Amino acid sequence: MPAPILPNTMHGLKHTNKHAPWMNNSFPKKQALAVLFGVIVLTSMMYSSDMTNKRSAQRILLAEDSIQEAARMMYSDPKKTAVLVGIFSAAGSFKYSHRRDYIRDTILDNRLEPRLCSLKEFIRQTEESPHKRVCQVAYTFVIGAGGHDRPTDHDDNEPLTVDNDQFGNSEDDCTYLNVMENMEDGKSPTYLKFGANIANQYGIDYILKTDDDSVISFNAVFDWIDSELPPSPYNRRIYGGAPRLSRVKNTIYSAGEFYFMSADLADYVGNVLTAGDRLSLMNSRPIEDLDMGTFVFSNPRPIKFVSMDQKKIWSHPKKTEDEYRTEWDATTKSGWIPRKQVFQWNFYCKHILNGGCF
């Protein structure tokens, strides 16, 4: 059998390449050029598609539409913003236990809204499969469960939470803080400390505090979250609620009936600031929401304040069950709460003229 003809060693093959192009030395170069050209075209198409998606996302954001919709345009599986809602309650009183019962029966009834769940269920879903977690807003009733021997602001090495209240009672959707029950003297920073400590572990982006006489429209909450609250790592030093003014502290703050902050700010207030730091920053007469604003704005970095009086998603105060249920029926139908004045000038002017502590 004759030896094979090798194109790079035999003479006289140039004319045969017209009929056998695969034997032409220049063919691999042409092939490489063709492949390179194809890669360039494909990359250009991918870049063009990516830029189109980004421009579409930018248009959505400029039109003040959903942040989540913009994220879906830019990423195949965007992270959904997760919020922890702490509803402040107390133990040892029928008034508070009864409120928890009708709150569960109204705004927390999630049979038609799986994105709302208890913190315990949120943790279960996260541990089971964080990427398939359905729940987006986790709620918990927050109770000061320490006895009279405990401080009002957690400042020691004792556990941050306990399993039940000081009377031995336990409910699945309650968080029992290991501090003495109080309204103004440290319960809120202790709750923020708790929220910040679980935020990284369970993917929580914002910590929200509200009172048990605030009626929240969770239909509006999800609209607000999708439209206004970016997830981590884009949620840095964000704080908001209904704006209030302080003449004494020369600052603004969010009304205590409903305020929120990003997890990094909760960590700053609850962990970076010590109980002693917070005590030195507090008003001469402790005022929970004013003091919280002072804590937040003691951060040396810029704070992004979100005013929520343009579109309120809660109503306050509703002290009786009848008031609460009536308001819940109204908010369930309308979604958003009618806008009120941004600053309550009549209230503030009266206190300032009388030398009040605000």
Protein backbone atom coordinates (compact mmCIF):
# COMPACT_ATOMS: atom_id res chain seq x y z
CA MET A 1 0.00 0.00 0.00
CA PRO A 2 1.54 3.35 -1.03
CA ALA A 3 2.45 5.84 1.68
CA PRO A 4 -0.09 8.63 2.25
CA ILE A 5 0.55 11.96 0.59
CA LEU A 6 1.25 14.71 3.13
CA PRO A 7 0.34 18.22 1.92
CA ASN A 8 3.31 19.88 3.57
CA THR A 9 5.94 17.51 2.13
CA MET A 10 4.84 16.67 -1.41
CA HIS A 11 5.41 18.83 -4.46
CA GLY A 12 2.89 19.42 -7.14
CA LEU A 13 -0.12 19.38 -4.87
CA LYS A 14 -0.98 23.04 -5.33
CA HIS A 15 -3.15 22.39 -8.34
CA THR A 16 -5.00 19.55 -6.62
CA ASN A 17 -6.16 21.85 -3.80
CA LYS A 18 -8.84 23.25 -6.05
CA HIS A 19 -10.57 19.91 -5.83
CA ALA A 20 -9.44 18.98 -2.30
CA PRO A 21 -9.67 22.17 -0.21
CA TRP A 22 -9.33 20.24 3.03
CA MET A 23 -5.74 19.56 2.00
CA ASN A 24 -5.02 23.28 1.60
CA ASN A 25 -2.76 24.73 4.33
CA SER A 26 -4.77 27.97 4.26
CA PHE A 27 -8.05 26.22 5.09
CA PRO A 28 -7.56 26.04 8.89
CA LYS A 29 -6.88 29.77 8.90
CA LYS A 30 -10.11 30.44 7.03
CA GLN A 31 -11.95 28.15 9.40
CA ALA A 32 -10.49 29.92 12.41
CA LEU A 33 -11.47 33.28 10.96
CA ALA A 34 -15.00 32.04 10.39
CA VAL A 35 -15.23 30.73 13.95
CA LEU A 36 -13.81 33.98 15.32
CA PHE A 37 -16.30 35.99 13.28
CA GLY A 38 -19.13 33.83 14.61
CA VAL A 39 -18.00 34.34 18.19
CA ILE A 40 -17.83 38.10 17.67
CA VAL A 41 -21.33 38.18 16.21
CA LEU A 42 -22.72 35.96 18.98
CA THR A 43 -21.02 38.04 21.71
CA SER A 44 -22.33 41.21 20.11
CA MET A 45 -25.85 39.80 20.07
CA MET A 46 -25.56 38.73 23.71
CA TYR A 47 -24.18 42.13 24.71
CA SER A 48 -26.90 43.87 22.74
CA SER A 49 -29.56 41.74 24.43
CA ASP A 50 -28.01 42.39 27.83
CA MET A 51 -27.87 46.13 27.20
CA THR A 52 -31.47 46.08 25.99
CA ASN A 53 -32.53 44.39 29.21
CA LYS A 54 -30.53 46.88 31.26
CA ARG A 55 -32.00 49.83 29.39
CA SER A 56 -35.47 48.37 29.89
CA ALA A 57 -34.72 47.96 33.58
CA GLN A 58 -33.51 51.56 33.78
CA ARG A 59 -36.70 52.75 32.11
CA ILE A 60 -38.74 50.81 34.65
CA LEU A 61 -36.84 52.42 37.51
CA LEU A 62 -37.09 55.91 36.01
CA ALA A 63 -40.82 55.38 35.61
CA GLU A 64 -40.95 54.63 39.36
CA ASP A 65 -42.23 51.14 38.78
CA SER A 66 -41.25 47.96 40.58
CA ILE A 67 -37.65 47.42 41.65
CA GLN A 68 -38.35 43.71 41.48
CA GLU A 69 -39.57 44.03 37.88
CA ALA A 70 -36.36 45.85 36.97
CA ALA A 71 -34.35 43.14 38.70
CA ARG A 72 -36.16 40.45 36.69
CA MET A 73 -35.13 42.25 33.50
CA MET A 74 -31.46 42.20 34.54
CA TYR A 75 -31.14 38.84 36.30
CA SER A 76 -32.59 35.42 35.61
CA ASP A 77 -33.33 34.70 39.28
CA PRO A 78 -33.30 37.97 41.26
CA LYS A 79 -33.32 37.92 45.05
CA LYS A 80 -36.63 38.97 46.56
CA THR A 81 -36.47 41.54 49.33
CA ALA A 82 -37.23 40.00 52.73
CA VAL A 83 -38.58 41.97 55.69
CA LEU A 84 -38.94 41.08 59.36
CA VAL A 85 -41.99 42.74 60.97
CA GLY A 86 -41.91 43.01 64.75
CA ILE A 87 -45.33 43.74 66.27
CA PHE A 88 -44.73 45.05 69.78
CA SER A 89 -46.90 43.40 72.40
CA ALA A 90 -46.65 42.47 76.08
CA ALA A 91 -47.34 39.55 78.42
CA GLY A 92 -49.46 39.20 81.53
CA SER A 93 -52.53 41.08 80.33
CA PHE A 94 -55.70 39.94 78.60
CA LYS A 95 -55.70 43.20 76.64
CA TYR A 96 -52.49 42.26 74.84
CA SER A 97 -53.22 38.56 74.38
CA HIS A 98 -56.66 39.44 73.00
CA ARG A 99 -55.09 41.92 70.58
CA ARG A 100 -52.72 39.25 69.33
CA ASP A 101 -55.71 36.98 68.70
CA TYR A 102 -57.64 39.43 66.53
CA ILE A 103 -54.49 40.63 64.76
CA ARG A 104 -53.85 37.02 63.74
CA ASP A 105 -57.44 36.79 62.58
CA THR A 106 -57.20 39.93 60.41
CA ILE A 107 -54.00 41.35 58.96
CA LEU A 108 -51.95 38.18 59.61
CA ASP A 109 -54.44 35.79 58.00
CA ASN A 110 -52.20 34.51 55.22
CA ARG A 111 -54.41 31.81 53.74
CA LEU A 112 -54.57 33.78 50.49
CA GLU A 113 -51.09 35.32 50.77
CA PRO A 114 -48.25 32.79 51.17
CA ARG A 115 -45.65 35.56 51.00
CA LEU A 116 -46.62 36.44 54.59
CA CYS A 117 -45.75 34.01 57.36
CA SER A 118 -44.57 33.74 60.94
CA LEU A 119 -40.84 34.07 61.63
CA LYS A 120 -40.76 30.41 62.63
CA GLU A 121 -42.16 29.39 59.24
CA PHE A 122 -39.80 31.78 57.44
CA ILE A 123 -36.83 30.14 59.15
CA ARG A 124 -38.14 26.67 58.31
CA GLN A 125 -38.50 27.53 54.62
CA THR A 126 -35.06 29.14 54.53
CA GLU A 127 -33.34 26.19 56.16
CA GLU A 128 -35.18 23.74 53.91
CA SER A 129 -34.44 25.51 50.62
CA PRO A 130 -33.51 29.22 50.65
CA HIS A 131 -33.85 29.60 46.86
CA LYS A 132 -37.36 28.15 46.89
CA ARG A 133 -38.59 30.15 49.89
CA VAL A 134 -42.07 31.53 49.23
CA CYS A 135 -42.43 33.66 52.34
CA GLN A 136 -41.10 37.20 51.91
CA VAL A 137 -42.42 39.01 54.99
CA ALA A 138 -41.92 37.32 58.36
CA TYR A 139 -43.82 38.59 61.37
CA THR A 140 -43.31 38.07 65.08
CA PHE A 141 -44.91 39.51 68.19
CA VAL A 142 -42.17 41.05 70.31
CA ILE A 143 -42.46 40.70 74.08
CA GLY A 144 -40.13 41.73 76.89
CA ALA A 145 -39.99 38.47 78.84
CA GLY A 146 -37.30 39.09 81.43
CA GLY A 147 -38.12 39.47 85.09
CA HIS A 148 -37.47 42.49 87.28
CA ASP A 149 -33.89 41.37 87.72
CA ARG A 150 -33.22 41.87 84.00
CA PRO A 151 -32.14 45.19 82.41
CA THR A 152 -34.48 47.09 80.09
CA ASP A 153 -31.80 47.15 77.36
CA HIS A 154 -29.80 43.98 76.63
CA ASP A 155 -26.25 44.78 77.72
CA ASP A 156 -24.77 41.58 79.13
CA ASN A 157 -23.73 38.08 78.11
CA GLU A 158 -27.06 36.50 78.98
CA PRO A 159 -29.09 34.97 76.10
CA LEU A 160 -30.80 37.57 73.92
CA THR A 161 -34.08 35.63 73.86
CA VAL A 162 -35.82 33.10 76.10
CA ASP A 163 -38.36 30.37 75.36
CA ASN A 164 -41.36 31.84 77.17
CA ASP A 165 -42.58 34.93 78.98
CA GLN A 166 -42.06 35.62 82.66
CA PHE A 167 -45.34 33.85 83.44
CA GLY A 168 -44.34 30.62 81.71
CA ASN A 169 -46.52 31.14 78.63
CA SER A 170 -45.29 30.54 75.08
CA GLU A 171 -46.85 31.18 71.67
CA ASP A 172 -45.30 29.99 68.41
CA ASP A 173 -45.32 33.37 66.70
CA CYS A 174 -43.82 35.40 69.55
CA THR A 175 -40.22 36.42 70.20
CA TYR A 176 -39.42 36.67 73.90
CA LEU A 177 -36.64 39.17 74.52
CA ASN A 178 -34.56 38.60 77.62
CA VAL A 179 -35.16 42.14 78.97
CA MET A 180 -37.67 43.58 81.37
CA GLU A 181 -40.80 44.74 79.56
CA ASN A 182 -40.71 48.46 78.73
CA MET A 183 -41.83 50.91 76.09
CA GLU A 184 -39.15 53.60 76.02
CA ASP A 185 -36.00 52.27 77.70
CA GLY A 186 -34.37 49.67 75.47
CA LYS A 187 -36.88 47.14 74.16
CA SER A 188 -36.69 48.53 70.61
CA PRO A 189 -32.86 48.44 70.34
CA THR A 190 -32.91 44.93 71.79
CA TYR A 191 -35.38 43.87 69.10
CA LEU A 192 -33.16 45.44 66.42
CA LYS A 193 -30.20 43.56 67.88
CA PHE A 194 -32.18 40.33 67.57
CA GLY A 195 -33.25 41.14 64.00
CA ALA A 196 -29.71 42.06 62.93
CA ASN A 197 -28.31 38.88 64.46
CA ILE A 198 -30.56 36.63 62.37
CA ALA A 199 -30.54 38.78 59.22
CA ASN A 200 -27.40 37.37 57.62
CA GLN A 201 -28.20 33.81 58.58
CA TYR A 202 -31.70 33.84 57.09
CA GLY A 203 -31.45 36.45 54.34
CA ILE A 204 -33.46 39.27 55.92
CA ASP A 205 -32.92 42.69 54.33
CA TYR A 206 -34.97 45.03 56.54
CA ILE A 207 -36.14 45.12 60.14
CA LEU A 208 -39.53 46.76 60.71
CA LYS A 209 -41.13 47.74 64.02
CA THR A 210 -44.82 48.47 64.52
CA ASP A 211 -47.29 48.75 67.39
CA ASP A 212 -50.12 46.34 68.08
CA ASP A 213 -52.68 49.13 67.55
CA SER A 214 -51.42 49.81 64.01
CA VAL A 215 -53.54 48.31 61.22
CA ILE A 216 -51.25 47.33 58.37
CA SER A 217 -52.42 46.77 54.80
CA PHE A 218 -50.18 43.91 53.71
CA ASN A 219 -51.49 44.18 50.14
CA ALA A 220 -49.88 47.63 50.10
CA VAL A 221 -46.82 46.34 51.97
CA PHE A 222 -45.90 43.95 49.16
CA ASP A 223 -46.44 46.69 46.57
CA TRP A 224 -44.21 48.99 48.64
CA ILE A 225 -41.49 46.35 49.06
CA ASP A 226 -41.40 45.54 45.34
CA SER A 227 -41.43 49.21 44.35
CA GLU A 228 -39.16 50.83 46.91
CA LEU A 229 -36.96 48.42 48.87
CA PRO A 230 -33.89 47.00 47.13
CA PRO A 231 -32.48 43.76 48.57
CA SER A 232 -28.95 43.31 49.86
CA PRO A 233 -26.29 44.31 49.01
CA TYR A 234 -28.01 47.49 47.76
CA ASN A 235 -29.86 48.25 51.01
CA ARG A 236 -27.31 50.29 52.89
CA ARG A 237 -28.20 52.73 55.70
CA ILE A 238 -31.89 53.05 54.77
CA TYR A 239 -34.32 54.28 57.43
CA GLY A 240 -37.91 55.43 57.10
CA GLY A 241 -41.47 55.82 58.23
CA ALA A 242 -43.76 58.76 58.95
CA PRO A 243 -41.39 61.74 59.41
CA ARG A 244 -41.36 63.72 62.63
CA LEU A 245 -39.28 66.70 63.79
CA SER A 246 -37.27 67.27 66.94
CA ARG A 247 -36.31 70.78 67.97
CA VAL A 248 -34.30 69.60 70.98
CA LYS A 249 -32.31 66.95 69.08
CA ASN A 250 -32.27 68.98 65.85
CA THR A 251 -33.16 65.95 63.79
CA ILE A 252 -35.94 64.10 62.04
CA TYR A 253 -37.15 60.67 63.04
CA SER A 254 -39.84 58.12 62.19
CA ALA A 255 -43.00 57.81 64.26
CA GLY A 256 -42.93 54.74 66.49
CA GLU A 257 -46.21 53.38 65.18
CA PHE A 258 -44.39 52.09 62.08
CA TYR A 259 -40.73 52.45 61.09
CA PHE A 260 -38.14 50.32 59.37
CA MET A 261 -34.44 50.23 58.64
CA SER A 262 -32.01 48.15 56.63
CA ALA A 263 -30.33 45.27 58.43
CA ASP A 264 -26.97 47.06 58.55
CA LEU A 265 -28.52 50.02 60.42
CA ALA A 266 -30.26 47.62 62.81
CA ASP A 267 -26.86 46.09 63.46
CA TYR A 268 -25.40 49.55 64.08
CA VAL A 269 -28.12 50.51 66.57
CA GLY A 270 -28.30 47.13 68.32
CA ASN A 271 -24.69 45.92 68.27
CA VAL A 272 -22.24 48.68 67.37
CA LEU A 273 -23.80 51.12 69.83
CA THR A 274 -23.57 49.80 73.37
CA ALA A 275 -26.34 50.20 75.93
CA GLY A 276 -24.18 52.94 77.45
CA ASP A 277 -23.85 54.69 74.10
CA ARG A 278 -27.61 54.61 73.62
CA LEU A 279 -28.23 55.89 77.14
CA SER A 280 -25.96 58.88 76.50
CA LEU A 281 -27.82 59.67 73.24
CA MET A 282 -31.33 59.38 74.65
CA ASN A 283 -33.59 62.32 75.31
CA SER A 284 -33.69 63.60 78.89
CA ARG A 285 -37.11 61.98 79.07
CA PRO A 286 -36.89 58.78 77.03
CA ILE A 287 -39.08 58.88 73.91
CA GLU A 288 -38.81 55.65 71.94
CA ASP A 289 -39.19 56.87 68.38
CA LEU A 290 -37.26 60.12 68.85
CA ASP A 291 -34.42 58.26 70.55
CA MET A 292 -34.38 55.70 67.75
CA GLY A 293 -33.93 58.47 65.18
CA THR A 294 -31.08 59.88 67.29
CA PHE A 295 -29.41 56.46 67.40
CA VAL A 296 -29.74 56.05 63.62
CA PHE A 297 -28.40 59.50 62.77
CA SER A 298 -25.42 59.06 65.08
CA ASN A 299 -24.03 56.84 62.34
CA PRO A 300 -21.12 58.73 60.73
CA ARG A 301 -22.15 57.68 57.23
CA PRO A 302 -25.00 59.27 55.22
CA ILE A 303 -28.49 57.99 56.04
CA LYS A 304 -31.09 57.54 53.30
CA PHE A 305 -34.38 58.61 54.89
CA VAL A 306 -37.59 57.32 53.28
CA SER A 307 -40.68 59.42 53.99
CA MET A 308 -43.80 57.28 53.99
CA ASP A 309 -46.50 59.89 54.51
CA GLN A 310 -47.07 60.23 50.78
CA LYS A 311 -48.46 56.71 50.67
CA LYS A 312 -49.29 55.27 54.06
CA ILE A 313 -49.68 51.54 54.38
CA TRP A 314 -50.88 51.53 57.99
CA SER A 315 -53.41 53.28 60.20
CA HIS A 316 -52.86 54.17 63.86
CA PRO A 317 -54.07 54.10 66.60
CA LYS A 318 -56.92 51.58 66.68
CA LYS A 319 -57.23 50.64 70.33
CA THR A 320 -60.38 48.51 70.36
CA GLU A 321 -61.22 45.36 68.43
CA ASP A 322 -64.16 47.06 66.71
CA GLU A 323 -61.96 49.98 65.56
CA TYR A 324 -59.28 47.59 64.40
CA ARG A 325 -61.60 45.32 62.42
CA THR A 326 -63.43 48.26 60.84
CA GLU A 327 -60.16 49.76 59.65
CA TRP A 328 -58.94 46.37 58.45
CA ASP A 329 -62.07 45.93 56.33
CA ALA A 330 -61.49 49.36 54.78
CA THR A 331 -57.79 48.81 54.07
CA THR A 332 -58.45 45.35 52.64
CA LYS A 333 -60.71 46.94 50.03
CA SER A 334 -58.63 50.05 49.26
CA GLY A 335 -55.07 48.85 49.88
CA TRP A 336 -53.45 52.21 50.55
CA ILE A 337 -54.37 54.45 53.47
CA PRO A 338 -55.38 58.02 52.53
CA ARG A 339 -52.48 60.46 52.79
CA LYS A 340 -52.22 62.69 55.83
CA GLN A 341 -50.22 65.89 56.30
CA VAL A 342 -46.48 65.24 56.30
CA PHE A 343 -45.73 67.15 59.51
CA GLN A 344 -48.27 67.63 62.27
CA TRP A 345 -47.58 71.33 62.73
CA ASN A 346 -50.41 71.99 65.19
CA PHE A 347 -49.05 69.29 67.48
CA TYR A 348 -45.43 70.42 67.26
CA CYS A 349 -46.02 74.17 67.46
CA LYS A 350 -48.04 73.74 70.65
CA HIS A 351 -45.27 71.77 72.32
CA ILE A 352 -42.47 74.03 71.10
CA LEU A 353 -44.23 77.21 72.24
CA ASN A 354 -44.77 75.64 75.64
CA GLY A 355 -41.11 74.66 75.91
CA GLY A 356 -41.86 70.98 75.35
CA CYS A 357 -39.26 68.24 75.08
CA PHE A 358 -39.62 67.71 71.33
